[in-house]
Amino acid sequence: MLKLHLPPIEFYDERTNRFFDKPSVDVRLEHSLASLSKWEQKYKKPFLGSAPKTLEESRGYVVCMSLDENFAEQDYYRLSSEQIQQIQDYIADQRTATTINRRKTGPSREVITAEVIYYWMVSLTIPFEAENWHLSKLLMLIEVCAVKNQPKKKMSRSEALSRQRALNAQRRASMGTSG
């Protein structure tokens, strides 16, 4: 979770010709499946797709990330450039120590939406409270489950022969024999 503090500001309402004070507000943001789902519901397109997002869509995602109802779309404009950078860094952060060696294959053409991720969660029996985890952590758990559920790869003939030679060498060394 990312916590930000927005200081109080004074703004002018052109419709009423009056100045208003907006109090300071503390905002809690969460880059999660729940946020992604809210965003996709509003904009009707995949968040994780390769299509670039408009400035309005990017602002909309920050609003969808908010766990606080006191953060509205107009509050986005109160964010400093440093805070916007903090949000971008938070979204990009992997939040896990796990790494997976992926085989070199071409990019997947599957369109990943919130419903696809929920499907993966159901099929892998991942509890629904994980929808509030940092999205990269949830996606890594899904990948780990997929890798662990794959059938074991058989050793190639050369790998089996190499393993057998190493075992024979180890046995000869432990027995003190030459053959």
N, C-alpha and C. Protein backbone atom coordinates (compact mmCIF):
# COMPACT_ATOMS: atom_id res chain seq x y z
N MET A 1 0.84 -1.17 0.00
CA MET A 1 0.00 0.00 0.00
C MET A 1 0.89 1.24 0.00
N LEU A 2 0.46 2.22 -0.75
CA LEU A 2 1.18 3.50 -0.82
C LEU A 2 0.34 4.55 -0.13
N LYS A 3 0.96 5.26 0.81
CA LYS A 3 0.24 6.33 1.53
C LYS A 3 0.81 7.67 1.10
N LEU A 4 -0.10 8.58 0.75
CA LEU A 4 0.30 9.93 0.34
C LEU A 4 -0.49 10.96 1.14
N HIS A 5 0.14 12.11 1.37
CA HIS A 5 -0.52 13.22 2.06
C HIS A 5 -0.68 14.37 1.07
N LEU A 6 -1.91 14.82 0.91
CA LEU A 6 -2.18 15.98 0.05
C LEU A 6 -2.45 17.17 0.95
N PRO A 7 -1.65 18.25 0.82
CA PRO A 7 -1.84 19.41 1.70
C PRO A 7 -3.13 20.16 1.38
N PRO A 8 -3.57 21.01 2.29
CA PRO A 8 -4.78 21.79 2.01
C PRO A 8 -4.53 22.78 0.87
N ILE A 9 -5.57 23.08 0.12
CA ILE A 9 -5.44 24.06 -0.97
C ILE A 9 -6.67 24.95 -1.00
N GLU A 10 -6.49 26.09 -1.65
CA GLU A 10 -7.60 27.00 -1.90
C GLU A 10 -7.84 26.99 -3.39
N PHE A 11 -9.10 26.89 -3.80
CA PHE A 11 -9.39 26.92 -5.23
C PHE A 11 -10.57 27.82 -5.50
N TYR A 12 -10.67 28.22 -6.76
CA TYR A 12 -11.69 29.15 -7.19
C TYR A 12 -12.71 28.42 -8.06
N ASP A 13 -13.99 28.57 -7.74
CA ASP A 13 -15.07 27.98 -8.52
C ASP A 13 -15.62 29.06 -9.44
N GLU A 14 -15.36 28.90 -10.73
CA GLU A 14 -15.78 29.92 -11.71
C GLU A 14 -17.29 30.03 -11.83
N ARG A 15 -18.01 28.95 -11.59
CA ARG A 15 -19.47 28.97 -11.71
C ARG A 15 -20.11 29.86 -10.65
N THR A 16 -19.56 29.81 -9.44
CA THR A 16 -20.16 30.58 -8.34
C THR A 16 -19.36 31.83 -8.00
N ASN A 17 -18.21 32.03 -8.64
CA ASN A 17 -17.32 33.16 -8.35
C ASN A 17 -16.94 33.21 -6.87
N ARG A 18 -16.59 32.04 -6.32
CA ARG A 18 -16.22 31.97 -4.92
C ARG A 18 -14.95 31.15 -4.75
N PHE A 19 -14.21 31.47 -3.70
CA PHE A 19 -13.04 30.69 -3.32
C PHE A 19 -13.46 29.65 -2.28
N PHE A 20 -12.85 28.48 -2.37
CA PHE A 20 -13.13 27.41 -1.42
C PHE A 20 -11.83 26.85 -0.89
N ASP A 21 -11.87 26.40 0.35
CA ASP A 21 -10.73 25.73 0.94
C ASP A 21 -11.00 24.24 0.92
N LYS A 22 -10.01 23.51 0.50
CA LYS A 22 -10.09 22.06 0.55
C LYS A 22 -9.10 21.60 1.61
N PRO A 23 -9.56 20.84 2.59
CA PRO A 23 -8.65 20.42 3.67
C PRO A 23 -7.62 19.40 3.17
N SER A 24 -6.60 19.20 3.98
CA SER A 24 -5.61 18.19 3.63
C SER A 24 -6.28 16.82 3.69
N VAL A 25 -5.70 15.90 2.96
CA VAL A 25 -6.27 14.55 2.92
C VAL A 25 -5.13 13.54 2.83
N ASP A 26 -5.30 12.44 3.55
CA ASP A 26 -4.36 11.33 3.45
C ASP A 26 -5.00 10.28 2.55
N VAL A 27 -4.22 9.80 1.59
CA VAL A 27 -4.73 8.87 0.59
C VAL A 27 -3.95 7.57 0.68
N ARG A 28 -4.68 6.45 0.63
CA ARG A 28 -4.06 5.13 0.59
C ARG A 28 -4.36 4.52 -0.78
N LEU A 29 -3.31 4.14 -1.50
CA LEU A 29 -3.47 3.57 -2.84
C LEU A 29 -2.99 2.13 -2.85
N GLU A 30 -3.69 1.29 -3.61
CA GLU A 30 -3.32 -0.12 -3.73
C GLU A 30 -3.40 -0.53 -5.19
N HIS A 31 -2.26 -0.97 -5.74
CA HIS A 31 -2.21 -1.50 -7.11
C HIS A 31 -2.54 -2.97 -7.01
N SER A 32 -3.81 -3.32 -7.29
CA SER A 32 -4.27 -4.69 -7.04
C SER A 32 -5.24 -5.12 -8.13
N LEU A 33 -5.60 -6.38 -8.06
CA LEU A 33 -6.59 -6.91 -8.99
C LEU A 33 -7.93 -6.19 -8.80
N ALA A 34 -8.28 -5.86 -7.58
CA ALA A 34 -9.53 -5.14 -7.32
C ALA A 34 -9.51 -3.77 -8.03
N SER A 35 -8.39 -3.05 -7.97
CA SER A 35 -8.25 -1.76 -8.64
C SER A 35 -8.33 -1.92 -10.16
N LEU A 36 -7.62 -2.92 -10.65
CA LEU A 36 -7.61 -3.20 -12.09
C LEU A 36 -9.03 -3.51 -12.56
N SER A 37 -9.77 -4.28 -11.79
CA SER A 37 -11.13 -4.65 -12.14
C SER A 37 -12.04 -3.42 -12.21
N LYS A 38 -11.91 -2.53 -11.22
CA LYS A 38 -12.70 -1.28 -11.23
C LYS A 38 -12.39 -0.46 -12.48
N TRP A 39 -11.09 -0.37 -12.82
CA TRP A 39 -10.67 0.42 -13.97
C TRP A 39 -11.23 -0.18 -15.26
N GLU A 40 -11.13 -1.49 -15.42
CA GLU A 40 -11.64 -2.14 -16.63
C GLU A 40 -13.16 -2.00 -16.74
N GLN A 41 -13.83 -2.00 -15.61
CA GLN A 41 -15.28 -1.82 -15.61
C GLN A 41 -15.64 -0.43 -16.12
N LYS A 42 -14.83 0.56 -15.78
CA LYS A 42 -15.11 1.94 -16.19
C LYS A 42 -14.72 2.19 -17.65
N TYR A 43 -13.53 1.72 -18.06
CA TYR A 43 -13.00 2.06 -19.39
C TYR A 43 -13.24 0.99 -20.45
N LYS A 44 -13.72 -0.17 -20.06
CA LYS A 44 -14.10 -1.25 -20.99
C LYS A 44 -12.98 -1.67 -21.93
N LYS A 45 -11.75 -1.76 -21.38
CA LYS A 45 -10.62 -2.27 -22.14
C LYS A 45 -9.63 -2.91 -21.18
N PRO A 46 -8.77 -3.82 -21.69
CA PRO A 46 -7.81 -4.49 -20.78
C PRO A 46 -6.76 -3.52 -20.26
N PHE A 47 -6.58 -3.51 -18.95
CA PHE A 47 -5.57 -2.65 -18.34
C PHE A 47 -4.17 -3.12 -18.70
N LEU A 48 -3.96 -4.44 -18.69
CA LEU A 48 -2.63 -5.00 -18.94
C LEU A 48 -2.32 -5.14 -20.42
N GLY A 49 -3.18 -4.65 -21.29
CA GLY A 49 -2.96 -4.74 -22.72
C GLY A 49 -1.81 -3.84 -23.16
N SER A 50 -1.41 -4.00 -24.41
CA SER A 50 -0.27 -3.24 -24.92
C SER A 50 -0.67 -1.85 -25.42
N ALA A 51 -1.95 -1.59 -25.55
CA ALA A 51 -2.40 -0.28 -26.03
C ALA A 51 -2.07 0.78 -24.99
N PRO A 52 -1.53 1.91 -25.43
CA PRO A 52 -1.19 2.96 -24.47
C PRO A 52 -2.45 3.56 -23.84
N LYS A 53 -2.30 4.05 -22.63
CA LYS A 53 -3.43 4.66 -21.93
C LYS A 53 -3.39 6.17 -22.11
N THR A 54 -4.57 6.75 -22.22
CA THR A 54 -4.65 8.20 -22.31
C THR A 54 -4.35 8.79 -20.94
N LEU A 55 -4.15 10.09 -20.88
CA LEU A 55 -3.91 10.76 -19.61
C LEU A 55 -5.13 10.59 -18.70
N GLU A 56 -6.32 10.69 -19.28
CA GLU A 56 -7.55 10.50 -18.50
C GLU A 56 -7.61 9.09 -17.92
N GLU A 57 -7.25 8.07 -18.70
CA GLU A 57 -7.26 6.69 -18.22
C GLU A 57 -6.23 6.48 -17.12
N SER A 58 -5.06 7.10 -17.25
CA SER A 58 -4.03 6.99 -16.21
C SER A 58 -4.50 7.63 -14.92
N ARG A 59 -5.10 8.81 -15.02
CA ARG A 59 -5.66 9.46 -13.83
C ARG A 59 -6.75 8.59 -13.22
N GLY A 60 -7.58 8.02 -14.09
CA GLY A 60 -8.67 7.17 -13.63
C GLY A 60 -8.17 5.97 -12.85
N TYR A 61 -7.02 5.42 -13.27
CA TYR A 61 -6.49 4.27 -12.55
C TYR A 61 -6.05 4.66 -11.14
N VAL A 62 -5.46 5.83 -10.98
CA VAL A 62 -5.05 6.28 -9.65
C VAL A 62 -6.28 6.41 -8.76
N VAL A 63 -7.37 6.91 -9.31
CA VAL A 63 -8.61 7.02 -8.53
C VAL A 63 -9.12 5.63 -8.17
N CYS A 64 -9.05 4.67 -9.11
CA CYS A 64 -9.48 3.29 -8.84
C CYS A 64 -8.60 2.63 -7.79
N MET A 65 -7.34 3.05 -7.69
CA MET A 65 -6.42 2.49 -6.70
C MET A 65 -6.73 2.95 -5.28
N SER A 66 -7.46 4.05 -5.16
CA SER A 66 -7.70 4.64 -3.85
C SER A 66 -8.57 3.75 -2.98
N LEU A 67 -8.14 3.55 -1.75
CA LEU A 67 -8.92 2.80 -0.77
C LEU A 67 -9.80 3.72 0.05
N ASP A 68 -9.68 5.02 -0.19
CA ASP A 68 -10.40 6.02 0.58
C ASP A 68 -11.44 6.71 -0.30
N GLU A 69 -12.64 6.82 0.23
CA GLU A 69 -13.70 7.46 -0.55
C GLU A 69 -13.53 8.98 -0.62
N ASN A 70 -12.66 9.54 0.21
CA ASN A 70 -12.47 10.98 0.20
C ASN A 70 -11.51 11.44 -0.90
N PHE A 71 -11.03 10.51 -1.73
CA PHE A 71 -10.13 10.86 -2.85
C PHE A 71 -10.96 10.82 -4.13
N ALA A 72 -11.17 11.98 -4.72
CA ALA A 72 -11.98 12.09 -5.93
C ALA A 72 -11.07 12.39 -7.12
N GLU A 73 -11.66 12.32 -8.30
CA GLU A 73 -10.88 12.52 -9.53
C GLU A 73 -10.20 13.89 -9.55
N GLN A 74 -10.88 14.92 -9.05
CA GLN A 74 -10.25 16.25 -9.04
C GLN A 74 -9.08 16.34 -8.07
N ASP A 75 -9.03 15.44 -7.08
CA ASP A 75 -7.89 15.42 -6.16
C ASP A 75 -6.61 14.96 -6.85
N TYR A 76 -6.74 14.27 -7.96
CA TYR A 76 -5.55 13.84 -8.71
C TYR A 76 -4.68 15.04 -9.05
N TYR A 77 -5.30 16.17 -9.35
CA TYR A 77 -4.56 17.38 -9.74
C TYR A 77 -3.81 18.00 -8.58
N ARG A 78 -4.10 17.55 -7.38
CA ARG A 78 -3.38 18.04 -6.20
C ARG A 78 -2.06 17.29 -6.00
N LEU A 79 -1.87 16.19 -6.71
CA LEU A 79 -0.65 15.41 -6.56
C LEU A 79 0.54 16.17 -7.13
N SER A 80 1.64 16.16 -6.42
CA SER A 80 2.87 16.78 -6.92
C SER A 80 3.52 15.84 -7.93
N SER A 81 4.46 16.36 -8.69
CA SER A 81 5.17 15.51 -9.65
C SER A 81 5.95 14.41 -8.93
N GLU A 82 6.46 14.69 -7.71
CA GLU A 82 7.15 13.67 -6.93
C GLU A 82 6.19 12.57 -6.51
N GLN A 83 4.97 12.94 -6.13
CA GLN A 83 3.98 11.94 -5.73
C GLN A 83 3.54 11.09 -6.92
N ILE A 84 3.41 11.70 -8.08
CA ILE A 84 3.05 10.94 -9.29
C ILE A 84 4.17 9.96 -9.61
N GLN A 85 5.41 10.37 -9.44
CA GLN A 85 6.54 9.46 -9.65
C GLN A 85 6.52 8.33 -8.62
N GLN A 86 6.18 8.65 -7.37
CA GLN A 86 6.06 7.61 -6.33
C GLN A 86 5.01 6.58 -6.74
N ILE A 87 3.89 7.04 -7.28
CA ILE A 87 2.82 6.13 -7.72
C ILE A 87 3.33 5.25 -8.85
N GLN A 88 4.02 5.83 -9.82
CA GLN A 88 4.55 5.05 -10.94
C GLN A 88 5.57 4.02 -10.47
N ASP A 89 6.44 4.41 -9.54
CA ASP A 89 7.42 3.47 -8.99
C ASP A 89 6.73 2.35 -8.22
N TYR A 90 5.69 2.70 -7.47
CA TYR A 90 4.94 1.71 -6.69
C TYR A 90 4.28 0.68 -7.62
N ILE A 91 3.70 1.15 -8.72
CA ILE A 91 3.05 0.24 -9.68
C ILE A 91 4.09 -0.67 -10.32
N ALA A 92 5.26 -0.14 -10.64
CA ALA A 92 6.30 -0.91 -11.33
C ALA A 92 7.05 -1.87 -10.40
N ASP A 93 6.98 -1.65 -9.08
CA ASP A 93 7.71 -2.47 -8.13
C ASP A 93 7.22 -3.92 -8.17
N GLN A 94 8.15 -4.86 -8.17
CA GLN A 94 7.79 -6.28 -8.27
C GLN A 94 7.27 -6.87 -6.97
N ARG A 95 7.66 -6.37 -5.82
CA ARG A 95 7.15 -6.81 -4.53
C ARG A 95 7.31 -8.30 -4.26
N THR A 96 8.35 -8.91 -4.79
CA THR A 96 8.60 -10.32 -4.54
C THR A 96 10.07 -10.63 -4.75
N ALA A 97 10.55 -11.64 -4.06
CA ALA A 97 11.93 -12.10 -4.25
C ALA A 97 11.99 -13.27 -5.21
N THR A 98 10.83 -13.78 -5.60
CA THR A 98 10.76 -14.95 -6.48
C THR A 98 11.09 -14.58 -7.91
N THR A 99 11.90 -15.41 -8.53
CA THR A 99 12.17 -15.25 -9.96
C THR A 99 11.89 -16.59 -10.64
N ILE A 100 11.47 -16.51 -11.87
CA ILE A 100 11.19 -17.71 -12.64
C ILE A 100 11.98 -17.62 -13.94
N ASN A 101 12.73 -18.71 -14.24
CA ASN A 101 13.44 -18.77 -15.51
C ASN A 101 12.44 -19.15 -16.59
N ARG A 102 12.16 -18.21 -17.45
CA ARG A 102 11.20 -18.47 -18.52
C ARG A 102 11.93 -18.88 -19.78
N ARG A 103 11.34 -19.84 -20.48
CA ARG A 103 11.91 -20.22 -21.76
C ARG A 103 11.70 -19.09 -22.74
N LYS A 104 12.63 -18.96 -23.66
CA LYS A 104 12.53 -17.90 -24.67
C LYS A 104 11.46 -18.27 -25.69
N THR A 105 10.28 -17.74 -25.48
CA THR A 105 9.21 -17.92 -26.45
C THR A 105 8.72 -16.54 -26.83
N GLY A 106 7.96 -16.46 -27.87
CA GLY A 106 7.43 -15.18 -28.30
C GLY A 106 6.44 -14.63 -27.29
N PRO A 107 6.10 -13.37 -27.43
CA PRO A 107 5.15 -12.78 -26.50
C PRO A 107 3.78 -13.44 -26.63
N SER A 108 3.10 -13.56 -25.52
CA SER A 108 1.78 -14.18 -25.51
C SER A 108 0.78 -13.25 -26.20
N ARG A 109 -0.11 -13.84 -26.95
CA ARG A 109 -1.14 -13.04 -27.62
C ARG A 109 -2.43 -13.03 -26.83
N GLU A 110 -2.44 -13.73 -25.70
CA GLU A 110 -3.64 -13.78 -24.88
C GLU A 110 -3.90 -12.42 -24.25
N VAL A 111 -5.13 -11.97 -24.35
CA VAL A 111 -5.52 -10.71 -23.71
C VAL A 111 -5.84 -11.03 -22.26
N ILE A 112 -5.13 -10.39 -21.36
CA ILE A 112 -5.31 -10.66 -19.93
C ILE A 112 -6.17 -9.55 -19.35
N THR A 113 -7.33 -9.95 -18.84
CA THR A 113 -8.23 -9.01 -18.18
C THR A 113 -8.42 -9.46 -16.74
N ALA A 114 -9.13 -8.66 -15.97
CA ALA A 114 -9.38 -9.00 -14.57
C ALA A 114 -10.08 -10.35 -14.47
N GLU A 115 -11.02 -10.62 -15.37
CA GLU A 115 -11.75 -11.89 -15.31
C GLU A 115 -10.84 -13.08 -15.57
N VAL A 116 -9.88 -12.93 -16.45
CA VAL A 116 -8.92 -14.00 -16.72
C VAL A 116 -8.10 -14.27 -15.46
N ILE A 117 -7.67 -13.23 -14.78
CA ILE A 117 -6.89 -13.40 -13.55
C ILE A 117 -7.76 -14.05 -12.47
N TYR A 118 -9.02 -13.63 -12.36
CA TYR A 118 -9.92 -14.28 -11.40
C TYR A 118 -10.09 -15.76 -11.75
N TYR A 119 -10.18 -16.09 -13.03
CA TYR A 119 -10.28 -17.49 -13.46
C TYR A 119 -9.05 -18.27 -12.98
N TRP A 120 -7.87 -17.70 -13.20
CA TRP A 120 -6.65 -18.36 -12.75
C TRP A 120 -6.69 -18.60 -11.24
N MET A 121 -7.16 -17.60 -10.51
CA MET A 121 -7.25 -17.74 -9.05
C MET A 121 -8.17 -18.89 -8.67
N VAL A 122 -9.32 -18.98 -9.34
CA VAL A 122 -10.27 -20.04 -9.04
C VAL A 122 -9.68 -21.40 -9.39
N SER A 123 -9.08 -21.50 -10.58
CA SER A 123 -8.56 -22.80 -11.01
C SER A 123 -7.36 -23.24 -10.18
N LEU A 124 -6.63 -22.31 -9.60
CA LEU A 124 -5.48 -22.65 -8.77
C LEU A 124 -5.82 -22.63 -7.28
N THR A 125 -7.07 -22.43 -6.96
CA THR A 125 -7.59 -22.32 -5.58
C THR A 125 -6.86 -21.28 -4.74
N ILE A 126 -6.59 -20.16 -5.34
CA ILE A 126 -6.00 -19.02 -4.63
C ILE A 126 -7.16 -18.26 -3.99
N PRO A 127 -7.12 -18.00 -2.69
CA PRO A 127 -8.25 -17.33 -2.03
C PRO A 127 -8.49 -15.92 -2.59
N PHE A 128 -9.76 -15.51 -2.57
CA PHE A 128 -10.13 -14.22 -3.16
C PHE A 128 -9.57 -13.02 -2.41
N GLU A 129 -9.14 -13.18 -1.17
CA GLU A 129 -8.54 -12.02 -0.50
C GLU A 129 -7.23 -11.60 -1.17
N ALA A 130 -6.68 -12.47 -2.00
CA ALA A 130 -5.46 -12.11 -2.73
C ALA A 130 -5.72 -11.05 -3.79
N GLU A 131 -6.98 -10.75 -4.09
CA GLU A 131 -7.29 -9.70 -5.05
C GLU A 131 -6.83 -8.33 -4.54
N ASN A 132 -6.55 -8.23 -3.25
CA ASN A 132 -6.10 -6.96 -2.68
C ASN A 132 -4.58 -6.90 -2.52
N TRP A 133 -3.88 -7.96 -2.91
CA TRP A 133 -2.42 -7.93 -2.89
C TRP A 133 -1.92 -7.02 -4.00
N HIS A 134 -0.65 -6.62 -3.88
CA HIS A 134 -0.01 -5.90 -4.99
C HIS A 134 -0.11 -6.80 -6.21
N LEU A 135 -0.50 -6.24 -7.34
CA LEU A 135 -0.78 -7.04 -8.53
C LEU A 135 0.40 -7.89 -8.98
N SER A 136 1.62 -7.36 -8.90
CA SER A 136 2.77 -8.14 -9.35
C SER A 136 2.99 -9.36 -8.45
N LYS A 137 2.69 -9.24 -7.17
CA LYS A 137 2.83 -10.37 -6.25
C LYS A 137 1.81 -11.45 -6.58
N LEU A 138 0.57 -11.05 -6.86
CA LEU A 138 -0.46 -12.01 -7.23
C LEU A 138 -0.12 -12.72 -8.53
N LEU A 139 0.34 -11.97 -9.53
CA LEU A 139 0.70 -12.58 -10.81
C LEU A 139 1.88 -13.53 -10.66
N MET A 140 2.82 -13.21 -9.77
CA MET A 140 3.95 -14.11 -9.54
C MET A 140 3.48 -15.40 -8.87
N LEU A 141 2.56 -15.29 -7.91
CA LEU A 141 2.01 -16.49 -7.28
C LEU A 141 1.31 -17.37 -8.33
N ILE A 142 0.58 -16.77 -9.23
CA ILE A 142 -0.09 -17.52 -10.28
C ILE A 142 0.94 -18.23 -11.16
N GLU A 143 2.01 -17.52 -11.50
CA GLU A 143 3.08 -18.14 -12.31
C GLU A 143 3.75 -19.29 -11.57
N VAL A 144 4.03 -19.11 -10.29
CA VAL A 144 4.66 -20.17 -9.50
C VAL A 144 3.75 -21.39 -9.46
N CYS A 145 2.46 -21.18 -9.22
CA CYS A 145 1.51 -22.31 -9.21
C CYS A 145 1.50 -23.02 -10.56
N ALA A 146 1.52 -22.26 -11.64
CA ALA A 146 1.50 -22.86 -12.98
C ALA A 146 2.77 -23.68 -13.21
N VAL A 147 3.93 -23.16 -12.80
CA VAL A 147 5.19 -23.88 -12.99
C VAL A 147 5.21 -25.14 -12.13
N LYS A 148 4.79 -25.02 -10.87
CA LYS A 148 4.82 -26.17 -9.96
C LYS A 148 3.81 -27.25 -10.37
N ASN A 149 2.74 -26.87 -11.05
CA ASN A 149 1.72 -27.83 -11.48
C ASN A 149 2.04 -28.50 -12.82
N GLN A 150 3.11 -28.04 -13.48
CA GLN A 150 3.49 -28.67 -14.75
C GLN A 150 4.10 -30.04 -14.47
N PRO A 151 3.88 -30.99 -15.40
CA PRO A 151 4.53 -32.30 -15.20
C PRO A 151 6.04 -32.15 -15.30
N LYS A 152 6.75 -33.00 -14.55
CA LYS A 152 8.22 -32.97 -14.57
C LYS A 152 8.72 -33.24 -15.98
N LYS A 153 9.73 -32.49 -16.37
CA LYS A 153 10.33 -32.66 -17.68
C LYS A 153 11.30 -33.84 -17.62
N LYS A 154 11.19 -34.73 -18.59
CA LYS A 154 12.12 -35.87 -18.64
C LYS A 154 13.51 -35.38 -19.00
N MET A 155 14.51 -36.09 -18.44
CA MET A 155 15.90 -35.77 -18.78
C MET A 155 16.19 -36.23 -20.20
N SER A 156 16.96 -35.42 -20.90
CA SER A 156 17.39 -35.85 -22.23
C SER A 156 18.42 -36.98 -22.06
N ARG A 157 18.69 -37.69 -23.14
CA ARG A 157 19.64 -38.80 -23.09
C ARG A 157 21.02 -38.33 -22.64
N SER A 158 21.46 -37.18 -23.16
CA SER A 158 22.79 -36.67 -22.79
C SER A 158 22.83 -36.26 -21.31
N GLU A 159 21.72 -35.68 -20.79
CA GLU A 159 21.66 -35.32 -19.37
C GLU A 159 21.71 -36.57 -18.49
N ALA A 160 21.00 -37.63 -18.89
CA ALA A 160 20.99 -38.87 -18.11
C ALA A 160 22.38 -39.51 -18.10
N LEU A 161 23.05 -39.53 -19.26
CA LEU A 161 24.40 -40.10 -19.33
C LEU A 161 25.38 -39.29 -18.49
N SER A 162 25.26 -37.97 -18.57
CA SER A 162 26.13 -37.09 -17.79
C SER A 162 25.93 -37.32 -16.29
N ARG A 163 24.67 -37.44 -15.87
CA ARG A 163 24.36 -37.69 -14.46
C ARG A 163 24.93 -39.04 -14.01
N GLN A 164 24.82 -40.05 -14.87
CA GLN A 164 25.34 -41.38 -14.53
C GLN A 164 26.86 -41.36 -14.40
N ARG A 165 27.55 -40.64 -15.31
CA ARG A 165 29.01 -40.52 -15.23
C ARG A 165 29.43 -39.85 -13.92
N ALA A 166 28.69 -38.80 -13.53
CA ALA A 166 29.02 -38.10 -12.29
C ALA A 166 28.82 -39.01 -11.08
N LEU A 167 27.73 -39.77 -11.05
CA LEU A 167 27.50 -40.71 -9.96
C LEU A 167 28.58 -41.78 -9.89
N ASN A 168 28.99 -42.33 -11.05
CA ASN A 168 30.06 -43.33 -11.09
C ASN A 168 31.37 -42.76 -10.56
N ALA A 169 31.69 -41.54 -10.97
CA ALA A 169 32.92 -40.89 -10.51
C ALA A 169 32.88 -40.69 -9.00
N GLN A 170 31.72 -40.30 -8.47
CA GLN A 170 31.57 -40.10 -7.03
C GLN A 170 31.73 -41.42 -6.28
N ARG A 171 31.17 -42.47 -6.79
CA ARG A 171 31.29 -43.79 -6.14
C ARG A 171 32.73 -44.29 -6.16
N ARG A 172 33.42 -44.11 -7.32
CA ARG A 172 34.83 -44.54 -7.40
C ARG A 172 35.67 -43.78 -6.40
N ALA A 173 35.41 -42.50 -6.24
CA ALA A 173 36.18 -41.67 -5.30
C ALA A 173 35.91 -42.12 -3.86
N SER A 174 34.68 -42.43 -3.54
CA SER A 174 34.36 -42.81 -2.17
C SER A 174 34.88 -44.21 -1.83
N MET A 175 34.95 -45.10 -2.82
CA MET A 175 35.46 -46.46 -2.61
C MET A 175 36.96 -46.56 -2.78
N GLY A 176 37.57 -45.53 -3.36
CA GLY A 176 39.00 -45.54 -3.57
C GLY A 176 39.44 -46.51 -4.66
N THR A 177 38.57 -46.74 -5.64
CA THR A 177 38.91 -47.64 -6.73
C THR A 177 39.10 -46.84 -8.03
N SER A 178 39.61 -47.51 -9.04
CA SER A 178 39.82 -46.83 -10.32
C SER A 178 38.89 -47.35 -11.40
N GLY A 179 37.99 -48.21 -11.10
CA GLY A 179 37.15 -48.70 -12.18
C GLY A 179 36.15 -49.65 -11.78
